[in-house]
């Protein structure tokens, strides 16, 4: 019809099909009466202004509660961040101390390795010097012993 599209549906209810809107509309009076009937008599019915005031009050209370919770959470997070920052600084100091001590020990290790290496090089020299001195001492001993034996034979 005109520019409007038309949908054709198969209808099983003849009365529903004959009614142009498909449903009987209720008057505002009927709807208001249904609402009043469903509301408990102990709950007073509020005007729109009272309902808005009540909603605003509830909204303000919820907003204030959420703001307090938010402030508490922010404070809690700030405290946690401060703890984490202090721990991080402490760990950085410990890491620096560890690196310095590690470097110091590495230098000391190299020093001892050098001394050990030098001692291994000197060992044959010292051994040779010791053998030479021992041999010299033994030769002197033999000479003295021979002199002593000669002197004793003369006596």
C-alpha atoms as a PDB file:
ATOM      1  CA  UNK A   1       0.000   0.000   0.000  1.00  0.00           C
ATOM      2  CA  UNK A   2       1.740   3.120  -1.120  1.00  0.00           C
ATOM      3  CA  UNK A   3       5.439   2.917  -0.236  1.00  0.00           C
ATOM      4  CA  UNK A   4       4.829   0.608   2.724  1.00  0.00           C
ATOM      5  CA  UNK A   5       5.752  -3.033   2.516  1.00  0.00           C
ATOM      6  CA  UNK A   6       3.151  -5.532   3.547  1.00  0.00           C
ATOM      7  CA  UNK A   7       3.830  -8.738   5.408  1.00  0.00           C
ATOM      8  CA  UNK A   8       1.369 -11.556   5.082  1.00  0.00           C
ATOM      9  CA  UNK A   9       1.295 -14.105   7.844  1.00  0.00           C
ATOM     10  CA  UNK A  10      -0.736 -17.232   8.184  1.00  0.00           C
ATOM     11  CA  UNK A  11      -3.008 -16.751  11.175  1.00  0.00           C
ATOM     12  CA  UNK A  12      -4.504 -19.630  13.086  1.00  0.00           C
ATOM     13  CA  UNK A  13      -6.708 -17.485  15.346  1.00  0.00           C
ATOM     14  CA  UNK A  14      -9.600 -15.986  13.375  1.00  0.00           C
ATOM     15  CA  UNK A  15     -10.575 -13.459  16.110  1.00  0.00           C
ATOM     16  CA  UNK A  16      -7.017 -12.209  16.348  1.00  0.00           C
ATOM     17  CA  UNK A  17      -6.885 -11.831  12.581  1.00  0.00           C
ATOM     18  CA  UNK A  18     -10.134  -9.840  12.444  1.00  0.00           C
ATOM     19  CA  UNK A  19      -8.989  -7.367  15.139  1.00  0.00           C
ATOM     20  CA  UNK A  20      -6.897  -4.742  13.248  1.00  0.00           C
ATOM     21  CA  UNK A  21      -4.409  -4.109  16.118  1.00  0.00           C
ATOM     22  CA  UNK A  22      -4.178  -7.692  17.158  1.00  0.00           C
ATOM     23  CA  UNK A  23      -4.693  -6.820  20.837  1.00  0.00           C
ATOM     24  CA  UNK A  24      -7.282  -4.881  22.776  1.00  0.00           C
ATOM     25  CA  UNK A  25      -5.620  -1.742  24.221  1.00  0.00           C
ATOM     26  CA  UNK A  26      -6.335  -0.949  27.829  1.00  0.00           C
ATOM     27  CA  UNK A  27      -7.204   2.542  28.950  1.00  0.00           C
ATOM     28  CA  UNK A  28      -4.886   4.519  31.242  1.00  0.00           C
ATOM     29  CA  UNK A  29      -7.463   4.181  33.989  1.00  0.00           C
ATOM     30  CA  UNK A  30      -7.330   0.377  33.775  1.00  0.00           C
ATOM     31  CA  UNK A  31      -3.502   0.388  33.867  1.00  0.00           C
ATOM     32  CA  UNK A  32      -3.425   2.752  36.889  1.00  0.00           C
ATOM     33  CA  UNK A  33      -5.893   0.517  38.715  1.00  0.00           C
ATOM     34  CA  UNK A  34      -3.699  -2.525  38.031  1.00  0.00           C
ATOM     35  CA  UNK A  35      -0.633  -0.740  39.438  1.00  0.00           C
ATOM     36  CA  UNK A  36      -2.519   0.303  42.550  1.00  0.00           C
ATOM     37  CA  UNK A  37      -3.794  -3.238  43.000  1.00  0.00           C
ATOM     38  CA  UNK A  38      -0.247  -4.694  42.778  1.00  0.00           C
ATOM     39  CA  UNK A  39       1.310  -2.188  45.221  1.00  0.00           C
ATOM     40  CA  UNK A  40       1.171  -3.213  48.822  1.00  0.00           C
ATOM     41  CA  UNK A  41      -1.091  -0.984  50.919  1.00  0.00           C
ATOM     42  CA  UNK A  42       1.712  -0.519  53.506  1.00  0.00           C
ATOM     43  CA  UNK A  43       4.013   1.162  50.941  1.00  0.00           C
ATOM     44  CA  UNK A  44       3.011   4.763  50.325  1.00  0.00           C
ATOM     45  CA  UNK A  45       2.823   5.908  46.733  1.00  0.00           C
ATOM     46  CA  UNK A  46       5.269   8.777  46.115  1.00  0.00           C
ATOM     47  CA  UNK A  47       4.860  11.657  43.748  1.00  0.00           C
ATOM     48  CA  UNK A  48       7.294  12.025  40.862  1.00  0.00           C
ATOM     49  CA  UNK A  49       9.154  14.813  42.698  1.00  0.00           C
ATOM     50  CA  UNK A  50       9.500  12.655  45.821  1.00  0.00           C
ATOM     51  CA  UNK A  51      10.690   9.726  43.722  1.00  0.00           C
ATOM     52  CA  UNK A  52      13.265  11.943  41.987  1.00  0.00           C
ATOM     53  CA  UNK A  53      14.454  13.293  45.342  1.00  0.00           C
ATOM     54  CA  UNK A  54      14.750   9.750  46.662  1.00  0.00           C
ATOM     55  CA  UNK A  55      16.659   8.639  43.555  1.00  0.00           C
ATOM     56  CA  UNK A  56      18.991  11.659  43.811  1.00  0.00           C
ATOM     57  CA  UNK A  57      19.613  10.910  47.484  1.00  0.00           C
ATOM     58  CA  UNK A  58      20.358   7.269  46.710  1.00  0.00           C
ATOM     59  CA  UNK A  59      22.590   8.327  43.815  1.00  0.00           C
ATOM     60  CA  UNK A  60      24.489  10.794  46.027  1.00  0.00           C
ATOM     61  CA  UNK A  61      24.927   8.168  48.758  1.00  0.00           C
ATOM     62  CA  UNK A  62      26.227   5.639  46.243  1.00  0.00           C
ATOM     63  CA  UNK A  63      28.521   8.219  44.653  1.00  0.00           C
ATOM     64  CA  UNK A  64      29.974   9.236  48.024  1.00  0.00           C
ATOM     65  CA  UNK A  65      30.467   5.583  49.026  1.00  0.00           C
ATOM     66  CA  UNK A  66      32.196   4.833  45.730  1.00  0.00           C
ATOM     67  CA  UNK A  67      34.397   7.927  46.072  1.00  0.00           C
ATOM     68  CA  UNK A  68      35.430   6.844  49.597  1.00  0.00           C
ATOM     69  CA  UNK A  69      36.192   3.340  48.345  1.00  0.00           C
ATOM     70  CA  UNK A  70      38.130   4.833  45.444  1.00  0.00           C
ATOM     71  CA  UNK A  71      40.177   7.021  47.806  1.00  0.00           C
ATOM     72  CA  UNK A  72      40.887   4.008  50.023  1.00  0.00           C
ATOM     73  CA  UNK A  73      41.981   1.952  47.027  1.00  0.00           C
ATOM     74  CA  UNK A  74      44.176   4.771  45.745  1.00  0.00           C
ATOM     75  CA  UNK A  75      45.728   5.111  49.214  1.00  0.00           C
ATOM     76  CA  UNK A  76      46.259   1.374  49.412  1.00  0.00           C
ATOM     77  CA  UNK A  77      47.846   1.299  45.962  1.00  0.00           C
ATOM     78  CA  UNK A  78      50.075   4.251  46.844  1.00  0.00           C
ATOM     79  CA  UNK A  79      51.265   2.416  49.963  1.00  0.00           C
ATOM     80  CA  UNK A  80      51.924  -0.733  47.932  1.00  0.00           C
ATOM     81  CA  UNK A  81      53.826   1.242  45.297  1.00  0.00           C
ATOM     82  CA  UNK A  82      55.933   2.833  48.037  1.00  0.00           C
ATOM     83  CA  UNK A  83      56.757  -0.607  49.475  1.00  0.00           C
ATOM     84  CA  UNK A  84      57.623  -1.915  46.031  1.00  0.00           C
ATOM     85  CA  UNK A  85      59.806   1.132  45.326  1.00  0.00           C
ATOM     86  CA  UNK A  86      61.691   0.636  48.610  1.00  0.00           C
ATOM     87  CA  UNK A  87      62.197  -3.058  47.854  1.00  0.00           C
ATOM     88  CA  UNK A  88      63.402  -2.205  44.371  1.00  0.00           C
ATOM     89  CA  UNK A  89      65.913   0.325  45.718  1.00  0.00           C
ATOM     90  CA  UNK A  90      67.115  -2.245  48.269  1.00  0.00           C
ATOM     91  CA  UNK A  91      67.515  -4.875  45.554  1.00  0.00           C
ATOM     92  CA  UNK A  92      69.418  -2.419  43.362  1.00  0.00           C
ATOM     93  CA  UNK A  93      71.791  -1.667  46.247  1.00  0.00           C
ATOM     94  CA  UNK A  94      72.258  -5.369  46.964  1.00  0.00           C
ATOM     95  CA  UNK A  95      72.907  -6.001  43.282  1.00  0.00           C
ATOM     96  CA  UNK A  96      75.492  -3.222  43.190  1.00  0.00           C
ATOM     97  CA  UNK A  97      77.144  -4.543  46.371  1.00  0.00           C
ATOM     98  CA  UNK A  98      77.185  -8.031  44.881  1.00  0.00           C
ATOM     99  CA  UNK A  99      78.781  -6.793  41.645  1.00  0.00           C
ATOM    100  CA  UNK A 100      81.434  -4.839  43.546  1.00  0.00           C
ATOM    101  CA  UNK A 101      82.231  -7.810  45.786  1.00  0.00           C
ATOM    102  CA  UNK A 102      82.317 -10.115  42.764  1.00  0.00           C
ATOM    103  CA  UNK A 103      84.764  -7.798  40.984  1.00  0.00           C
ATOM    104  CA  UNK A 104      86.930  -7.536  44.112  1.00  0.00           C
ATOM    105  CA  UNK A 105      87.006 -11.325  44.466  1.00  0.00           C
ATOM    106  CA  UNK A 106      87.863 -11.703  40.781  1.00  0.00           C
ATOM    107  CA  UNK A 107      90.827  -9.323  41.179  1.00  0.00           C
ATOM    108  CA  UNK A 108      91.963 -11.193  44.287  1.00  0.00           C
ATOM    109  CA  UNK A 109      91.580 -14.521  42.478  1.00  0.00           C
ATOM    110  CA  UNK A 110      93.761 -13.293  39.604  1.00  0.00           C
ATOM    111  CA  UNK A 111      96.369 -12.076  42.112  1.00  0.00           C
ATOM    112  CA  UNK A 112      96.507 -15.477  43.824  1.00  0.00           C
ATOM    113  CA  UNK A 113      96.606 -17.293  40.488  1.00  0.00           C
ATOM    114  CA  UNK A 114      99.545 -15.119  39.430  1.00  0.00           C
ATOM    115  CA  UNK A 115     101.366 -15.808  42.692  1.00  0.00           C
ATOM    116  CA  UNK A 116     100.712 -19.515  42.352  1.00  0.00           C
ATOM    117  CA  UNK A 117     101.891 -19.497  38.753  1.00  0.00           C
ATOM    118  CA  UNK A 118     105.056 -17.626  39.761  1.00  0.00           C
ATOM    119  CA  UNK A 119     105.669 -20.066  42.590  1.00  0.00           C
ATOM    120  CA  UNK A 120     105.419 -22.957  40.132  1.00  0.00           C
ATOM    121  CA  UNK A 121     107.969 -21.215  37.901  1.00  0.00           C
ATOM    122  CA  UNK A 122     110.273 -20.538  40.876  1.00  0.00           C
ATOM    123  CA  UNK A 123     109.956 -24.051  42.242  1.00  0.00           C
ATOM    124  CA  UNK A 124     112.485 -25.619  39.845  1.00  0.00           C
ATOM    125  CA  UNK A 125     114.848 -22.693  40.394  1.00  0.00           C
ATOM    126  CA  UNK A 126     114.501 -23.007  44.154  1.00  0.00           C
ATOM    127  CA  UNK A 127     114.876 -26.757  43.879  1.00  0.00           C
ATOM    128  CA  UNK A 128     118.019 -26.347  41.812  1.00  0.00           C
ATOM    129  CA  UNK A 129     119.349 -23.709  44.215  1.00  0.00           C
ATOM    130  CA  UNK A 130     118.524 -25.970  47.146  1.00  0.00           C
ATOM    131  CA  UNK A 131     120.239 -28.934  45.512  1.00  0.00           C
ATOM    132  CA  UNK A 132     123.259 -26.785  44.769  1.00  0.00           C
ATOM    133  CA  UNK A 133     123.433 -25.556  48.359  1.00  0.00           C
ATOM    134  CA  UNK A 134     122.945 -29.090  49.638  1.00  0.00           C
ATOM    135  CA  UNK A 135     125.678 -30.346  47.350  1.00  0.00           C
ATOM    136  CA  UNK A 136     127.991 -27.525  48.482  1.00  0.00           C
ATOM    137  CA  UNK A 137     127.201 -28.247  52.110  1.00  0.00           C
ATOM    138  CA  UNK A 138     127.844 -31.933  51.546  1.00  0.00           C
ATOM    139  CA  UNK A 139     131.174 -31.162  49.882  1.00  0.00           C
ATOM    140  CA  UNK A 140     132.156 -28.973  52.838  1.00  0.00           C
ATOM    141  CA  UNK A 141     131.073 -31.715  55.190  1.00  0.00           C
ATOM    142  CA  UNK A 142     133.241 -34.218  53.332  1.00  0.00           C
ATOM    143  CA  UNK A 143     136.173 -31.811  53.425  1.00  0.00           C
ATOM    144  CA  UNK A 144     135.696 -31.128  57.107  1.00  0.00           C
ATOM    145  CA  UNK A 145     135.279 -34.829  57.787  1.00  0.00           C
ATOM    146  CA  UNK A 146     138.461 -35.598  55.841  1.00  0.00           C
ATOM    147  CA  UNK A 147     140.291 -32.867  57.739  1.00  0.00           C
ATOM    148  CA  UNK A 148     138.967 -34.213  60.955  1.00  0.00           C
ATOM    149  CA  UNK A 149     140.004 -37.747  60.051  1.00  0.00           C
ATOM    150  CA  UNK A 150     143.465 -36.532  59.049  1.00  0.00           C
ATOM    151  CA  UNK A 151     143.792 -34.536  62.210  1.00  0.00           C
ATOM    152  CA  UNK A 152     142.771 -37.520  64.288  1.00  0.00           C
ATOM    153  CA  UNK A 153     145.289 -39.771  62.627  1.00  0.00           C
ATOM    154  CA  UNK A 154     147.993 -37.321  63.401  1.00  0.00           C
ATOM    155  CA  UNK A 155     147.133 -37.311  67.002  1.00  0.00           C
END
